[in-house]
Amino acid sequence: MIPDAHSDSVLLAHILECIERIEEYTGGDSTAFLGLPIVRDAVLRNLQVLAESTQRLSEGVKATESDIPWIEIAGFRNVLAHNYLGISLEAVWTVIEQDLPQLAEPLSAWPQGLRPSPTDIRTSWMSASDWPGVAQVAAIESARSRRGGAF
């Protein structure tokens, strides 16, 4: 998909849909996520799709919200896709509980069907280090890669 105004709108809506599904599946409680494999599988898949969708957004959209840790989100997707046996479920829960609301807030502010522009988006993001779950998963993955192994 070549990024353009229409594909950006579709991707933004899709990202928000993934967040809504995750909220629906977990009910905001870690019990179902940690205890039920079917819920965990559905949530992990939606996180992976969400992160992949962020990679497909145009550079213009990403530049509009430069404080969103786009690279770290892409790295998180890579961990989910390629290091699925070594995922810390507690770290993923931190992403769900703390990082997804921070992502959903400005994306929800973008008018549907319109190309996002700086005037359409609130730019009150924290730095990437303030995304505890994504930062934690990225740190774990970085440590593993320095050791030369996947686990």
Protein backbone atom coordinates (compact mmCIF):
# COMPACT_ATOMS: atom_id res chain seq x y z
CA MET A 1 0.00 0.00 0.00
CA ILE A 2 1.45 3.36 -1.02
CA PRO A 3 0.67 5.88 1.74
CA ASP A 4 -1.77 8.59 0.76
CA ALA A 5 -4.58 10.54 2.41
CA HIS A 6 -7.10 7.72 1.96
CA SER A 7 -4.79 4.93 3.13
CA ASP A 8 -3.73 7.02 6.14
CA SER A 9 -7.38 7.40 7.15
CA VAL A 10 -8.01 3.69 6.69
CA LEU A 11 -4.92 2.77 8.69
CA LEU A 12 -5.76 5.19 11.50
CA ALA A 13 -9.27 3.75 11.74
CA HIS A 14 -7.81 0.24 11.71
CA ILE A 15 -5.35 1.07 14.51
CA LEU A 16 -8.19 2.42 16.64
CA GLU A 17 -10.26 -0.67 15.88
CA CYS A 18 -7.42 -2.88 17.12
CA ILE A 19 -7.23 -0.86 20.34
CA GLU A 20 -11.00 -1.17 20.82
CA ARG A 21 -10.85 -4.94 20.26
CA ILE A 22 -8.06 -5.30 22.80
CA GLU A 23 -10.10 -3.32 25.32
CA GLU A 24 -13.14 -5.47 24.55
CA TYR A 25 -11.23 -8.76 24.85
CA THR A 26 -9.52 -7.87 28.13
CA GLY A 27 -12.17 -5.68 29.75
CA GLY A 28 -9.27 -3.65 31.12
CA ASP A 29 -8.30 -6.52 33.41
CA SER A 30 -5.15 -8.60 33.09
CA THR A 31 -6.90 -11.74 34.38
CA ALA A 32 -8.37 -12.77 31.03
CA PHE A 33 -5.22 -11.82 29.11
CA LEU A 34 -2.88 -13.72 31.41
CA GLY A 35 -5.22 -16.62 32.13
CA LEU A 36 -7.00 -17.45 28.89
CA PRO A 37 -4.92 -18.50 25.88
CA ILE A 38 -7.68 -17.59 23.41
CA VAL A 39 -7.85 -14.02 24.77
CA ARG A 40 -4.06 -13.75 24.85
CA ASP A 41 -3.80 -14.96 21.24
CA ALA A 42 -6.44 -12.48 20.06
CA VAL A 43 -4.82 -9.60 21.91
CA LEU A 44 -1.31 -10.42 20.68
CA ARG A 45 -2.57 -10.65 17.10
CA ASN A 46 -4.30 -7.28 17.36
CA LEU A 47 -1.17 -5.72 18.83
CA GLN A 48 0.85 -7.11 15.95
CA VAL A 49 -1.62 -5.83 13.35
CA LEU A 50 -1.81 -2.44 15.08
CA ALA A 51 1.97 -2.09 15.08
CA GLU A 52 2.22 -3.19 11.44
CA SER A 53 -0.40 -0.59 10.52
CA THR A 54 1.65 2.16 12.16
CA GLN A 55 4.57 1.20 9.91
CA ARG A 56 2.40 1.74 6.84
CA LEU A 57 1.34 5.27 7.75
CA SER A 58 2.78 8.02 5.58
CA GLU A 59 5.82 9.89 6.79
CA GLY A 60 3.65 13.03 6.83
CA VAL A 61 1.34 11.54 9.44
CA LYS A 62 4.26 10.30 11.51
CA ALA A 63 5.94 13.71 11.34
CA THR A 64 2.77 15.35 12.62
CA GLU A 65 3.10 13.42 15.86
CA SER A 66 6.85 13.16 16.15
CA ASP A 67 6.69 12.33 19.87
CA ILE A 68 4.95 9.03 19.22
CA PRO A 69 7.70 6.39 19.32
CA TRP A 70 7.01 5.04 15.83
CA ILE A 71 10.32 3.17 15.64
CA GLU A 72 9.80 1.55 19.03
CA ILE A 73 6.28 0.50 18.02
CA ALA A 74 7.76 -1.10 14.89
CA GLY A 75 10.31 -2.87 17.08
CA PHE A 76 7.51 -4.08 19.34
CA ARG A 77 5.79 -5.56 16.29
CA ASN A 78 9.01 -7.38 15.40
CA VAL A 79 9.23 -8.84 18.89
CA LEU A 80 5.62 -10.03 18.67
CA ALA A 81 6.14 -11.55 15.22
CA HIS A 82 9.59 -13.05 15.60
CA ASN A 83 10.21 -13.60 19.29
CA TYR A 84 6.80 -14.93 20.23
CA LEU A 85 8.23 -17.66 22.47
CA GLY A 86 10.18 -15.14 24.53
CA ILE A 87 7.49 -12.53 25.09
CA SER A 88 7.01 -11.27 28.62
CA LEU A 89 3.26 -11.24 29.11
CA GLU A 90 3.61 -8.81 31.99
CA ALA A 91 5.51 -6.39 29.73
CA VAL A 92 2.83 -6.76 27.06
CA TRP A 93 0.18 -6.04 29.68
CA THR A 94 2.03 -2.82 30.52
CA VAL A 95 1.78 -1.87 26.84
CA ILE A 96 -1.96 -2.56 26.91
CA GLU A 97 -2.61 -0.76 30.16
CA GLN A 98 -0.35 2.27 29.81
CA ASP A 99 0.76 2.75 26.20
CA LEU A 100 -2.38 2.01 24.19
CA PRO A 101 -4.43 4.77 25.85
CA GLN A 102 -1.61 7.22 25.05
CA LEU A 103 -1.72 6.11 21.42
CA ALA A 104 -5.50 6.11 21.14
CA GLU A 105 -6.00 9.62 22.49
CA PRO A 106 -4.47 11.67 19.64
CA LEU A 107 -5.46 9.16 16.96
CA SER A 108 -9.07 9.49 18.07
CA ALA A 109 -8.80 13.25 17.62
CA TRP A 110 -8.11 12.91 13.89
CA PRO A 111 -11.30 13.54 11.92
CA GLN A 112 -12.44 10.43 10.10
CA GLY A 113 -12.07 10.57 6.36
CA LEU A 114 -9.76 13.57 6.42
CA ARG A 115 -6.03 13.66 6.00
CA PRO A 116 -4.51 14.35 9.37
CA SER A 117 -2.79 17.68 9.68
CA PRO A 118 -1.05 19.45 12.56
CA THR A 119 -4.19 21.49 13.25
CA ASP A 120 -6.30 18.34 13.60
CA ILE A 121 -4.09 16.65 16.16
CA ARG A 122 -3.20 17.45 19.71
CA THR A 123 0.54 17.22 20.20
CA SER A 124 0.76 16.59 23.89
CA TRP A 125 2.72 13.34 23.70
CA MET A 126 5.32 12.27 26.14
CA SER A 127 8.73 11.12 25.02
CA ALA A 128 9.34 7.52 23.95
CA SER A 129 10.87 6.81 27.36
CA ASP A 130 7.46 7.52 28.88
CA TRP A 131 6.01 4.48 27.08
CA PRO A 132 6.91 1.94 29.76
CA GLY A 133 5.67 -1.21 28.06
CA VAL A 134 7.13 -0.52 24.64
CA ALA A 135 10.39 0.64 26.25
CA GLN A 136 10.54 -2.49 28.42
CA VAL A 137 9.95 -4.87 25.51
CA ALA A 138 12.50 -2.97 23.39
CA ALA A 139 15.07 -3.21 26.20
CA ILE A 140 14.49 -6.95 26.57
CA GLU A 141 14.85 -7.44 22.82
CA SER A 142 17.99 -5.29 22.71
CA ALA A 143 19.59 -7.33 25.51
CA ARG A 144 18.74 -10.58 23.73
CA SER A 145 20.19 -9.40 20.44
CA ARG A 146 23.43 -8.29 22.17
CA ARG A 147 23.74 -11.81 23.58
CA GLY A 148 23.42 -13.13 20.04
CA GLY A 149 20.40 -15.29 20.72
CA ALA A 150 16.69 -15.04 20.45
CA PHE A 151 16.13 -15.99 24.10
